Amino acid sequence: MSDATPNPQPPQVQPFAVWNPIRGVWETSQPDLYGRLAPYSETWPTSGTTHDGSAYPLPPPAHRTPGSAPSSSPTALSRTLLASDSARGGETPNQMKAKRGTIALSHR
């Protein structure tokens, strides 16, 4: 037996409409007042795909991130290199701070 966790599978994409050849309409998965599947009456998407009588939206171009979390923490960011960095002989901001006690805003 392995301790490896299985790879999570992407959620199955549900069709937004299914063709009913008997009624001659695209239907949603929601029943109407009579218990039949309601006809699809929304604006048809500008992109998507059909397969075996079902219409699907296109998947999003990338995985969405929950909320508004940054892609990296602010402390992990590196400062932008300046042309004057070559004149300092490769000193890091921490080395500059140790020598002078403070770091100029342009060197942070």
PDB file of N, CA and C in Angstrom:
ATOM      1  N   MET A   1       0.846  -1.179   0.000  1.00  0.00           N
ATOM      2  CA  MET A   1       0.000   0.000   0.000  1.00  0.00           C
ATOM      3  C   MET A   1       0.888   1.236   0.000  1.00  0.00           C
ATOM      4  N   SER A   2       0.490   2.258  -0.731  1.00  0.00           N
ATOM      5  CA  SER A   2       1.296   3.468  -0.878  1.00  0.00           C
ATOM      6  C   SER A   2       0.721   4.594  -0.024  1.00  0.00           C
ATOM      7  N   ASP A   3       1.626   5.466   0.476  1.00  0.00           N
ATOM      8  CA  ASP A   3       1.185   6.626   1.244  1.00  0.00           C
ATOM      9  C   ASP A   3       0.858   7.811   0.349  1.00  0.00           C
ATOM     10  N   ALA A   4       1.085   7.668  -0.952  1.00  0.00           N
ATOM     11  CA  ALA A   4       0.848   8.774  -1.880  1.00  0.00           C
ATOM     12  C   ALA A   4      -0.641   9.099  -1.939  1.00  0.00           C
ATOM     13  N   THR A   5      -0.929  10.369  -1.960  1.00  0.00           N
ATOM     14  CA  THR A   5      -2.321  10.793  -2.076  1.00  0.00           C
ATOM     15  C   THR A   5      -2.692  10.837  -3.549  1.00  0.00           C
ATOM     16  N   PRO A   6      -3.906  10.464  -3.892  1.00  0.00           N
ATOM     17  CA  PRO A   6      -4.304  10.490  -5.299  1.00  0.00           C
ATOM     18  C   PRO A   6      -4.401  11.929  -5.803  1.00  0.00           C
ATOM     19  N   ASN A   7      -4.110  12.093  -7.082  1.00  0.00           N
ATOM     20  CA  ASN A   7      -4.231  13.417  -7.686  1.00  0.00           C
ATOM     21  C   ASN A   7      -5.702  13.795  -7.758  1.00  0.00           C
ATOM     22  N   PRO A   8      -6.049  14.998  -7.304  1.00  0.00           N
ATOM     23  CA  PRO A   8      -7.451  15.398  -7.383  1.00  0.00           C
ATOM     24  C   PRO A   8      -7.862  15.578  -8.849  1.00  0.00           C
ATOM     25  N   GLN A   9      -9.023  15.085  -9.174  1.00  0.00           N
ATOM     26  CA  GLN A   9      -9.539  15.210 -10.536  1.00  0.00           C
ATOM     27  C   GLN A   9     -10.305  16.518 -10.670  1.00  0.00           C
ATOM     28  N   PRO A  10     -10.214  17.164 -11.843  1.00  0.00           N
ATOM     29  CA  PRO A  10     -10.995  18.382 -12.025  1.00  0.00           C
ATOM     30  C   PRO A  10     -12.484  18.059 -11.975  1.00  0.00           C
ATOM     31  N   PRO A  11     -13.285  19.000 -11.516  1.00  0.00           N
ATOM     32  CA  PRO A  11     -14.718  18.729 -11.436  1.00  0.00           C
ATOM     33  C   PRO A  11     -15.292  18.501 -12.834  1.00  0.00           C
ATOM     34  N   GLN A  12     -16.266  17.610 -12.913  1.00  0.00           N
ATOM     35  CA  GLN A  12     -16.913  17.332 -14.184  1.00  0.00           C
ATOM     36  C   GLN A  12     -17.717  18.550 -14.618  1.00  0.00           C
ATOM     37  N   VAL A  13     -17.530  18.956 -15.852  1.00  0.00           N
ATOM     38  CA  VAL A  13     -18.258  20.107 -16.378  1.00  0.00           C
ATOM     39  C   VAL A  13     -19.648  19.640 -16.790  1.00  0.00           C
ATOM     40  N   GLN A  14     -20.643  20.324 -16.290  1.00  0.00           N
ATOM     41  CA  GLN A  14     -22.021  19.995 -16.606  1.00  0.00           C
ATOM     42  C   GLN A  14     -22.471  20.793 -17.827  1.00  0.00           C
ATOM     43  N   PRO A  15     -23.253  20.184 -18.705  1.00  0.00           N
ATOM     44  CA  PRO A  15     -23.751  20.947 -19.857  1.00  0.00           C
ATOM     45  C   PRO A  15     -24.731  22.016 -19.389  1.00  0.00           C
ATOM     46  N   PHE A  16     -24.740  23.142 -20.098  1.00  0.00           N
ATOM     47  CA  PHE A  16     -25.717  24.168 -19.749  1.00  0.00           C
ATOM     48  C   PHE A  16     -27.025  23.945 -20.509  1.00  0.00           C
ATOM     49  N   ALA A  17     -26.988  23.108 -21.540  1.00  0.00           N
ATOM     50  CA  ALA A  17     -28.194  22.783 -22.299  1.00  0.00           C
ATOM     51  C   ALA A  17     -28.011  21.437 -22.976  1.00  0.00           C
ATOM     52  N   VAL A  18     -29.137  20.717 -23.139  1.00  0.00           N
ATOM     53  CA  VAL A  18     -29.144  19.411 -23.811  1.00  0.00           C
ATOM     54  C   VAL A  18     -30.235  19.457 -24.874  1.00  0.00           C
ATOM     55  N   TRP A  19     -29.923  18.955 -26.074  1.00  0.00           N
ATOM     56  CA  TRP A  19     -30.884  18.979 -27.183  1.00  0.00           C
ATOM     57  C   TRP A  19     -31.928  17.885 -26.976  1.00  0.00           C
ATOM     58  N   ASN A  20     -33.198  18.261 -27.078  1.00  0.00           N
ATOM     59  CA  ASN A  20     -34.301  17.311 -27.017  1.00  0.00           C
ATOM     60  C   ASN A  20     -34.883  17.226 -28.421  1.00  0.00           C
ATOM     61  N   PRO A  21     -34.582  16.147 -29.174  1.00  0.00           N
ATOM     62  CA  PRO A  21     -35.056  16.059 -30.559  1.00  0.00           C
ATOM     63  C   PRO A  21     -36.570  15.877 -30.670  1.00  0.00           C
ATOM     64  N   ILE A  22     -37.201  15.350 -29.640  1.00  0.00           N
ATOM     65  CA  ILE A  22     -38.653  15.164 -29.685  1.00  0.00           C
ATOM     66  C   ILE A  22     -39.365  16.511 -29.631  1.00  0.00           C
ATOM     67  N   ARG A  23     -38.929  17.377 -28.729  1.00  0.00           N
ATOM     68  CA  ARG A  23     -39.531  18.708 -28.595  1.00  0.00           C
ATOM     69  C   ARG A  23     -38.895  19.715 -29.545  1.00  0.00           C
ATOM     70  N   GLY A  24     -37.678  19.403 -30.024  1.00  0.00           N
ATOM     71  CA  GLY A  24     -36.991  20.314 -30.942  1.00  0.00           C
ATOM     72  C   GLY A  24     -36.468  21.565 -30.250  1.00  0.00           C
ATOM     73  N   VAL A  25     -36.041  21.416 -28.989  1.00  0.00           N
ATOM     74  CA  VAL A  25     -35.535  22.563 -28.230  1.00  0.00           C
ATOM     75  C   VAL A  25     -34.322  22.140 -27.415  1.00  0.00           C
ATOM     76  N   TRP A  26     -33.505  23.126 -27.077  1.00  0.00           N
ATOM     77  CA  TRP A  26     -32.431  22.917 -26.106  1.00  0.00           C
ATOM     78  C   TRP A  26     -33.054  23.070 -24.733  1.00  0.00           C
ATOM     79  N   GLU A  27     -32.746  22.137 -23.823  1.00  0.00           N
ATOM     80  CA  GLU A  27     -33.323  22.154 -22.488  1.00  0.00           C
ATOM     81  C   GLU A  27     -32.237  22.315 -21.430  1.00  0.00           C
ATOM     82  N   THR A  28     -32.640  22.911 -20.306  1.00  0.00           N
ATOM     83  CA  THR A  28     -31.751  23.009 -19.148  1.00  0.00           C
ATOM     84  C   THR A  28     -31.981  21.788 -18.265  1.00  0.00           C
ATOM     85  N   SER A  29     -31.259  21.704 -17.174  1.00  0.00           N
ATOM     86  CA  SER A  29     -31.472  20.588 -16.240  1.00  0.00           C
ATOM     87  C   SER A  29     -32.547  20.903 -15.210  1.00  0.00           C
ATOM     88  N   GLN A  30     -33.138  22.101 -15.286  1.00  0.00           N
ATOM     89  CA  GLN A  30     -34.160  22.526 -14.330  1.00  0.00           C
ATOM     90  C   GLN A  30     -35.562  22.214 -14.861  1.00  0.00           C
ATOM     91  N   PRO A  31     -36.406  21.601 -14.043  1.00  0.00           N
ATOM     92  CA  PRO A  31     -37.778  21.342 -14.502  1.00  0.00           C
ATOM     93  C   PRO A  31     -38.614  22.630 -14.535  1.00  0.00           C
ATOM     94  N   ASP A  32     -39.573  22.669 -15.460  1.00  0.00           N
ATOM     95  CA  ASP A  32     -40.489  23.811 -15.519  1.00  0.00           C
ATOM     96  C   ASP A  32     -41.690  23.518 -14.614  1.00  0.00           C
ATOM     97  N   LEU A  33     -42.729  24.333 -14.693  1.00  0.00           N
ATOM     98  CA  LEU A  33     -43.904  24.172 -13.831  1.00  0.00           C
ATOM     99  C   LEU A  33     -44.645  22.866 -14.079  1.00  0.00           C
ATOM    100  N   TYR A  34     -44.466  22.287 -15.268  1.00  0.00           N
ATOM    101  CA  TYR A  34     -45.163  21.051 -15.615  1.00  0.00           C
ATOM    102  C   TYR A  34     -44.317  19.809 -15.357  1.00  0.00           C
ATOM    103  N   GLY A  35     -43.123  19.982 -14.803  1.00  0.00           N
ATOM    104  CA  GLY A  35     -42.259  18.854 -14.499  1.00  0.00           C
ATOM    105  C   GLY A  35     -41.341  18.451 -15.644  1.00  0.00           C
ATOM    106  N   ARG A  36     -41.504  19.088 -16.810  1.00  0.00           N
ATOM    107  CA  ARG A  36     -40.602  18.807 -17.924  1.00  0.00           C
ATOM    108  C   ARG A  36     -39.368  19.681 -17.767  1.00  0.00           C
ATOM    109  N   LEU A  37     -38.295  19.298 -18.446  1.00  0.00           N
ATOM    110  CA  LEU A  37     -37.102  20.132 -18.416  1.00  0.00           C
ATOM    111  C   LEU A  37     -37.391  21.431 -19.146  1.00  0.00           C
ATOM    112  N   ALA A  38     -37.003  22.539 -18.526  1.00  0.00           N
ATOM    113  CA  ALA A  38     -37.297  23.866 -19.080  1.00  0.00           C
ATOM    114  C   ALA A  38     -36.448  24.122 -20.316  1.00  0.00           C
ATOM    115  N   PRO A  39     -37.028  24.758 -21.335  1.00  0.00           N
ATOM    116  CA  PRO A  39     -36.239  25.127 -22.516  1.00  0.00           C
ATOM    117  C   PRO A  39     -35.149  26.127 -22.135  1.00  0.00           C
ATOM    118  N   TYR A  40     -34.022  26.013 -22.803  1.00  0.00           N
ATOM    119  CA  TYR A  40     -32.935  26.969 -22.580  1.00  0.00           C
ATOM    120  C   TYR A  40     -33.356  28.272 -23.229  1.00  0.00           C
ATOM    121  N   SER A  41     -33.509  29.332 -22.422  1.00  0.00           N
ATOM    122  CA  SER A  41     -34.009  30.600 -22.947  1.00  0.00           C
ATOM    123  C   SER A  41     -33.058  31.761 -22.707  1.00  0.00           C
ATOM    124  N   GLU A  42     -31.840  31.467 -22.251  1.00  0.00           N
ATOM    125  CA  GLU A  42     -30.868  32.531 -22.045  1.00  0.00           C
ATOM    126  C   GLU A  42     -30.156  32.826 -23.361  1.00  0.00           C
ATOM    127  N   THR A  43     -29.361  33.881 -23.374  1.00  0.00           N
ATOM    128  CA  THR A  43     -28.562  34.199 -24.547  1.00  0.00           C
ATOM    129  C   THR A  43     -27.518  33.107 -24.730  1.00  0.00           C
ATOM    130  N   TRP A  44     -27.416  32.605 -25.962  1.00  0.00           N
ATOM    131  CA  TRP A  44     -26.455  31.544 -26.242  1.00  0.00           C
ATOM    132  C   TRP A  44     -25.044  32.100 -26.104  1.00  0.00           C
ATOM    133  N   PRO A  45     -24.131  31.386 -25.432  1.00  0.00           N
ATOM    134  CA  PRO A  45     -22.768  31.901 -25.259  1.00  0.00           C
ATOM    135  C   PRO A  45     -22.058  32.084 -26.606  1.00  0.00           C
ATOM    136  N   THR A  46     -21.094  32.985 -26.630  1.00  0.00           N
ATOM    137  CA  THR A  46     -20.346  33.227 -27.867  1.00  0.00           C
ATOM    138  C   THR A  46     -19.303  32.150 -28.115  1.00  0.00           C
ATOM    139  N   SER A  47     -18.973  31.354 -27.097  1.00  0.00           N
ATOM    140  CA  SER A  47     -18.028  30.265 -27.285  1.00  0.00           C
ATOM    141  C   SER A  47     -18.434  29.095 -26.408  1.00  0.00           C
ATOM    142  N   GLY A  48     -18.053  27.919 -26.823  1.00  0.00           N
ATOM    143  CA  GLY A  48     -18.377  26.707 -26.093  1.00  0.00           C
ATOM    144  C   GLY A  48     -18.180  25.526 -27.015  1.00  0.00           C
ATOM    145  N   THR A  49     -18.718  24.396 -26.613  1.00  0.00           N
ATOM    146  CA  THR A  49     -18.582  23.196 -27.428  1.00  0.00           C
ATOM    147  C   THR A  49     -19.821  22.329 -27.248  1.00  0.00           C
ATOM    148  N   THR A  50     -20.113  21.500 -28.250  1.00  0.00           N
ATOM    149  CA  THR A  50     -21.208  20.547 -28.133  1.00  0.00           C
ATOM    150  C   THR A  50     -20.659  19.144 -28.349  1.00  0.00           C
ATOM    151  N   HIS A  51     -21.277  18.189 -27.677  1.00  0.00           N
ATOM    152  CA  HIS A  51     -20.870  16.798 -27.810  1.00  0.00           C
ATOM    153  C   HIS A  51     -22.064  15.920 -27.459  1.00  0.00           C
ATOM    154  N   ASP A  52     -22.431  15.036 -28.371  1.00  0.00           N
ATOM    155  CA  ASP A  52     -23.541  14.104 -28.153  1.00  0.00           C
ATOM    156  C   ASP A  52     -24.819  14.808 -27.707  1.00  0.00           C
ATOM    157  N   GLY A  53     -25.125  15.933 -28.307  1.00  0.00           N
ATOM    158  CA  GLY A  53     -26.368  16.629 -28.004  1.00  0.00           C
ATOM    159  C   GLY A  53     -26.352  17.460 -26.737  1.00  0.00           C
ATOM    160  N   SER A  54     -25.177  17.682 -26.163  1.00  0.00           N
ATOM    161  CA  SER A  54     -25.059  18.521 -24.968  1.00  0.00           C
ATOM    162  C   SER A  54     -24.157  19.704 -25.280  1.00  0.00           C
ATOM    163  N   ALA A  55     -24.507  20.877 -24.764  1.00  0.00           N
ATOM    164  CA  ALA A  55     -23.723  22.104 -24.972  1.00  0.00           C
ATOM    165  C   ALA A  55     -22.994  22.446 -23.679  1.00  0.00           C
ATOM    166  N   TYR A  56     -21.689  22.693 -23.800  1.00  0.00           N
ATOM    167  CA  TYR A  56     -20.839  22.957 -22.636  1.00  0.00           C
ATOM    168  C   TYR A  56     -20.150  24.311 -22.780  1.00  0.00           C
ATOM    169  N   PRO A  57     -19.942  25.006 -21.655  1.00  0.00           N
ATOM    170  CA  PRO A  57     -19.133  26.228 -21.719  1.00  0.00           C
ATOM    171  C   PRO A  57     -17.668  25.844 -21.883  1.00  0.00           C
ATOM    172  N   LEU A  58     -16.861  26.756 -22.422  1.00  0.00           N
ATOM    173  CA  LEU A  58     -15.434  26.505 -22.468  1.00  0.00           C
ATOM    174  C   LEU A  58     -14.869  26.602 -21.062  1.00  0.00           C
ATOM    175  N   PRO A  59     -13.859  25.796 -20.730  1.00  0.00           N
ATOM    176  CA  PRO A  59     -13.268  25.895 -19.397  1.00  0.00           C
ATOM    177  C   PRO A  59     -12.528  27.217 -19.249  1.00  0.00           C
ATOM    178  N   PRO A  60     -12.359  27.694 -18.012  1.00  0.00           N
ATOM    179  CA  PRO A  60     -11.602  28.928 -17.823  1.00  0.00           C
ATOM    180  C   PRO A  60     -10.164  28.727 -18.294  1.00  0.00           C
ATOM    181  N   PRO A  61      -9.490  29.793 -18.743  1.00  0.00           N
ATOM    182  CA  PRO A  61      -8.142  29.650 -19.297  1.00  0.00           C
ATOM    183  C   PRO A  61      -7.099  29.207 -18.278  1.00  0.00           C
ATOM    184  N   ALA A  62      -7.336  29.399 -17.000  1.00  0.00           N
ATOM    185  CA  ALA A  62      -6.359  29.009 -15.983  1.00  0.00           C
ATOM    186  C   ALA A  62      -7.099  28.711 -14.689  1.00  0.00           C
ATOM    187  N   HIS A  63      -6.388  28.080 -13.749  1.00  0.00           N
ATOM    188  CA  HIS A  63      -6.992  27.823 -12.450  1.00  0.00           C
ATOM    189  C   HIS A  63      -7.205  29.136 -11.723  1.00  0.00           C
ATOM    190  N   ARG A  64      -8.356  29.288 -11.166  1.00  0.00           N
ATOM    191  CA  ARG A  64      -8.655  30.502 -10.406  1.00  0.00           C
ATOM    192  C   ARG A  64      -8.103  30.382  -9.003  1.00  0.00           C
ATOM    193  N   THR A  65      -7.676  31.518  -8.463  1.00  0.00           N
ATOM    194  CA  THR A  65      -7.207  31.524  -7.083  1.00  0.00           C
ATOM    195  C   THR A  65      -8.332  32.056  -6.214  1.00  0.00           C
ATOM    196  N   PRO A  66      -8.531  31.468  -5.053  1.00  0.00           N
ATOM    197  CA  PRO A  66      -9.607  31.925  -4.188  1.00  0.00           C
ATOM    198  C   PRO A  66      -9.320  33.312  -3.632  1.00  0.00           C
ATOM    199  N   GLY A  67     -10.337  34.139  -3.600  1.00  0.00           N
ATOM    200  CA  GLY A  67     -10.216  35.473  -3.009  1.00  0.00           C
ATOM    201  C   GLY A  67      -9.245  36.354  -3.760  1.00  0.00           C
ATOM    202  N   SER A  68      -8.604  37.231  -3.030  1.00  0.00           N
ATOM    203  CA  SER A  68      -7.664  38.162  -3.644  1.00  0.00           C
ATOM    204  C   SER A  68      -6.270  37.963  -3.058  1.00  0.00           C
ATOM    205  N   ALA A  69      -5.904  36.719  -2.802  1.00  0.00           N
ATOM    206  CA  ALA A  69      -4.605  36.429  -2.205  1.00  0.00           C
ATOM    207  C   ALA A  69      -3.486  36.759  -3.182  1.00  0.00           C
ATOM    208  N   PRO A  70      -2.409  37.362  -2.688  1.00  0.00           N
ATOM    209  CA  PRO A  70      -1.288  37.654  -3.581  1.00  0.00           C
ATOM    210  C   PRO A  70      -0.596  36.365  -4.001  1.00  0.00           C
ATOM    211  N   SER A  71       0.102  36.397  -5.124  1.00  0.00           N
ATOM    212  CA  SER A  71       0.773  35.200  -5.604  1.00  0.00           C
ATOM    213  C   SER A  71       2.014  34.890  -4.782  1.00  0.00           C
ATOM    214  N   SER A  72       2.558  35.871  -4.087  1.00  0.00           N
ATOM    215  CA  SER A  72       3.685  35.635  -3.189  1.00  0.00           C
ATOM    216  C   SER A  72       3.619  36.658  -2.069  1.00  0.00           C
ATOM    217  N   SER A  73       4.279  36.351  -0.980  1.00  0.00           N
ATOM    218  CA  SER A  73       4.231  37.272   0.150  1.00  0.00           C
ATOM    219  C   SER A  73       5.138  38.471  -0.120  1.00  0.00           C
ATOM    220  N   PRO A  74       4.806  39.661   0.419  1.00  0.00           N
ATOM    221  CA  PRO A  74       5.626  40.843   0.183  1.00  0.00           C
ATOM    222  C   PRO A  74       7.062  40.677   0.659  1.00  0.00           C
ATOM    223  N   THR A  75       7.291  39.866   1.708  1.00  0.00           N
ATOM    224  CA  THR A  75       8.653  39.696   2.210  1.00  0.00           C
ATOM    225  C   THR A  75       9.491  38.835   1.277  1.00  0.00           C
ATOM    226  N   ALA A  76       8.854  38.075   0.395  1.00  0.00           N
ATOM    227  CA  ALA A  76       9.595  37.207  -0.513  1.00  0.00           C
ATOM    228  C   ALA A  76       9.975  37.926  -1.801  1.00  0.00           C
ATOM    229  N   LEU A  77       9.503  39.139  -1.974  1.00  0.00           N
ATOM    230  CA  LEU A  77       9.793  39.868  -3.207  1.00  0.00           C
ATOM    231  C   LEU A  77      11.208  40.420  -3.188  1.00  0.00           C
ATOM    232  N   SER A  78      11.830  40.415  -4.333  1.00  0.00           N
ATOM    233  CA  SER A  78      13.166  40.988  -4.457  1.00  0.00           C
ATOM    234  C   SER A  78      13.041  42.420  -4.943  1.00  0.00           C
ATOM    235  N   ARG A  79      14.006  43.228  -4.560  1.00  0.00           N
ATOM    236  CA  ARG A  79      13.975  44.612  -5.022  1.00  0.00           C
ATOM    237  C   ARG A  79      14.418  44.675  -6.469  1.00  0.00           C
ATOM    238  N   THR A  80      14.053  45.730  -7.142  1.00  0.00           N
ATOM    239  CA  THR A  80      14.452  45.953  -8.524  1.00  0.00           C
ATOM    240  C   THR A  80      15.900  46.394  -8.564  1.00  0.00           C
ATOM    241  N   LEU A  81      16.670  45.789  -9.444  1.00  0.00           N
ATOM    242  CA  LEU A  81      18.071  46.176  -9.569  1.00  0.00           C
ATOM    243  C   LEU A  81      18.180  47.543 -10.231  1.00  0.00           C
ATOM    244  N   LEU A  82      19.168  48.321  -9.789  1.00  0.00           N
ATOM    245  CA  LEU A  82      19.415  49.649 -10.333  1.00  0.00           C
ATOM    246  C   LEU A  82      20.754  49.661 -11.055  1.00  0.00           C
ATOM    247  N   ALA A  83      20.936  50.625 -11.954  1.00  0.00           N
ATOM    248  CA  ALA A  83      22.209  50.761 -12.646  1.00  0.00           C
ATOM    249  C   ALA A  83      23.323  51.058 -11.659  1.00  0.00           C
ATOM    250  N   SER A  84      23.020  51.754 -10.563  1.00  0.00           N
ATOM    251  CA  SER A  84      24.041  52.097  -9.570  1.00  0.00           C
ATOM    252  C   SER A  84      24.480  50.896  -8.743  1.00  0.00           C
ATOM    253  N   ASP A  85      23.776  49.782  -8.821  1.00  0.00           N
ATOM    254  CA  ASP A  85      24.156  48.591  -8.065  1.00  0.00           C
ATOM    255  C   ASP A  85      25.554  48.112  -8.438  1.00  0.00           C
ATOM    256  N   SER A  86      25.946  48.270  -9.698  1.00  0.00           N
ATOM    257  CA  SER A  86      27.270  47.809 -10.108  1.00  0.00           C
ATOM    258  C   SER A  86      28.375  48.627  -9.438  1.00  0.00           C
ATOM    259  N   ALA A  87      28.108  49.901  -9.130  1.00  0.00           N
ATOM    260  CA  ALA A  87      29.110  50.762  -8.493  1.00  0.00           C
ATOM    261  C   ALA A  87      29.303  50.388  -7.023  1.00  0.00           C
ATOM    262  N   ARG A  88      28.303  49.742  -6.413  1.00  0.00           N
ATOM    263  CA  ARG A  88      28.407  49.371  -5.001  1.00  0.00           C
ATOM    264  C   ARG A  88      29.214  48.101  -4.808  1.00  0.00           C
ATOM    265  N   GLY A  89      29.600  47.440  -5.889  1.00  0.00           N
ATOM    266  CA  GLY A  89      30.391  46.233  -5.759  1.00  0.00           C
ATOM    267  C   GLY A  89      29.595  45.046  -5.271  1.00  0.00           C
ATOM    268  N   GLY A  90      28.306  45.029  -5.505  1.00  0.00           N
ATOM    269  CA  GLY A  90      27.500  43.875  -5.150  1.00  0.00           C
ATOM    270  C   GLY A  90      27.034  43.847  -3.713  1.00  0.00           C
ATOM    271  N   GLU A  91      27.089  44.964  -3.009  1.00  0.00           N
ATOM    272  CA  GLU A  91      26.582  44.993  -1.631  1.00  0.00           C
ATOM    273  C   GLU A  91      25.090  44.731  -1.634  1.00  0.00           C
ATOM    274  N   THR A  92      24.654  43.953  -0.682  1.00  0.00           N
ATOM    275  CA  THR A  92      23.227  43.734  -0.519  1.00  0.00           C
ATOM    276  C   THR A  92      22.671  44.843   0.369  1.00  0.00           C
ATOM    277  N   PRO A  93      21.366  45.066   0.334  1.00  0.00           N
ATOM    278  CA  PRO A  93      20.781  46.066   1.227  1.00  0.00           C
ATOM    279  C   PRO A  93      21.100  45.809   2.702  1.00  0.00           C
ATOM    280  N   ASN A  94      21.166  44.540   3.106  1.00  0.00           N
ATOM    281  CA  ASN A  94      21.497  44.229   4.506  1.00  0.00           C
ATOM    282  C   ASN A  94      22.936  44.626   4.831  1.00  0.00           C
ATOM    283  N   GLN A  95      23.850  44.443   3.888  1.00  0.00           N
ATOM    284  CA  GLN A  95      25.237  44.849   4.106  1.00  0.00           C
ATOM    285  C   GLN A  95      25.323  46.369   4.201  1.00  0.00           C
ATOM    286  N   MET A  96      24.567  47.068   3.350  1.00  0.00           N
ATOM    287  CA  MET A  96      24.559  48.536   3.396  1.00  0.00           C
ATOM    288  C   MET A  96      24.019  49.015   4.731  1.00  0.00           C
ATOM    289  N   LYS A  97      22.954  48.386   5.214  1.00  0.00           N
ATOM    290  CA  LYS A  97      22.346  48.788   6.480  1.00  0.00           C
ATOM    291  C   LYS A  97      23.326  48.562   7.636  1.00  0.00           C
ATOM    292  N   ALA A  98      24.079  47.463   7.587  1.00  0.00           N
ATOM    293  CA  ALA A  98      25.041  47.175   8.647  1.00  0.00           C
ATOM    294  C   ALA A  98      26.135  48.246   8.682  1.00  0.00           C
ATOM    295  N   LYS A  99      26.520  48.759   7.512  1.00  0.00           N
ATOM    296  CA  LYS A  99      27.570  49.785   7.459  1.00  0.00           C
ATOM    297  C   LYS A  99      27.044  51.152   7.877  1.00  0.00           C
ATOM    298  N   ARG A 100      25.851  51.497   7.363  1.00  0.00           N
ATOM    299  CA  ARG A 100      25.353  52.871   7.538  1.00  0.00           C
ATOM    300  C   ARG A 100      24.218  52.996   8.537  1.00  0.00           C
ATOM    301  N   GLY A 101      23.597  51.911   8.922  1.00  0.00           N
ATOM    302  CA  GLY A 101      22.497  51.965   9.875  1.00  0.00           C
ATOM    303  C   GLY A 101      21.130  52.122   9.233  1.00  0.00           C
ATOM    304  N   THR A 102      21.058  52.666   8.040  1.00  0.00           N
ATOM    305  CA  THR A 102      19.795  52.826   7.334  1.00  0.00           C
ATOM    306  C   THR A 102      20.032  52.515   5.860  1.00  0.00           C
ATOM    307  N   ILE A 103      18.951  52.305   5.171  1.00  0.00           N
ATOM    308  CA  ILE A 103      19.011  52.069   3.730  1.00  0.00           C
ATOM    309  C   ILE A 103      18.184  53.156   3.074  1.00  0.00           C
ATOM    310  N   ALA A 104      18.732  53.777   2.058  1.00  0.00           N
ATOM    311  CA  ALA A 104      17.981  54.791   1.325  1.00  0.00           C
ATOM    312  C   ALA A 104      16.773  54.144   0.671  1.00  0.00           C
ATOM    313  N   LEU A 105      15.733  54.917   0.502  1.00  0.00           N
ATOM    314  CA  LEU A 105      14.511  54.399  -0.098  1.00  0.00           C
ATOM    315  C   LEU A 105      14.790  53.788  -1.465  1.00  0.00           C
ATOM    316  N   SER A 106      15.721  54.367  -2.219  1.00  0.00           N
ATOM    317  CA  SER A 106      16.030  53.829  -3.532  1.00  0.00           C
ATOM    318  C   SER A 106      16.715  52.475  -3.467  1.00  0.00           C
ATOM    319  N   HIS A 107      17.212  52.096  -2.312  1.00  0.00           N
ATOM    320  CA  HIS A 107      17.889  50.815  -2.167  1.00  0.00           C
ATOM    321  C   HIS A 107      17.073  49.758  -1.477  1.00  0.00           C
ATOM    322  N   ARG A 108      15.840  50.050  -1.184  1.00  0.00           N
ATOM    323  CA  ARG A 108      14.980  49.063  -0.530  1.00  0.00           C
ATOM    324  C   ARG A 108      14.348  48.164  -1.560  1.00  0.00           C
TER     325      ARG A 108
END
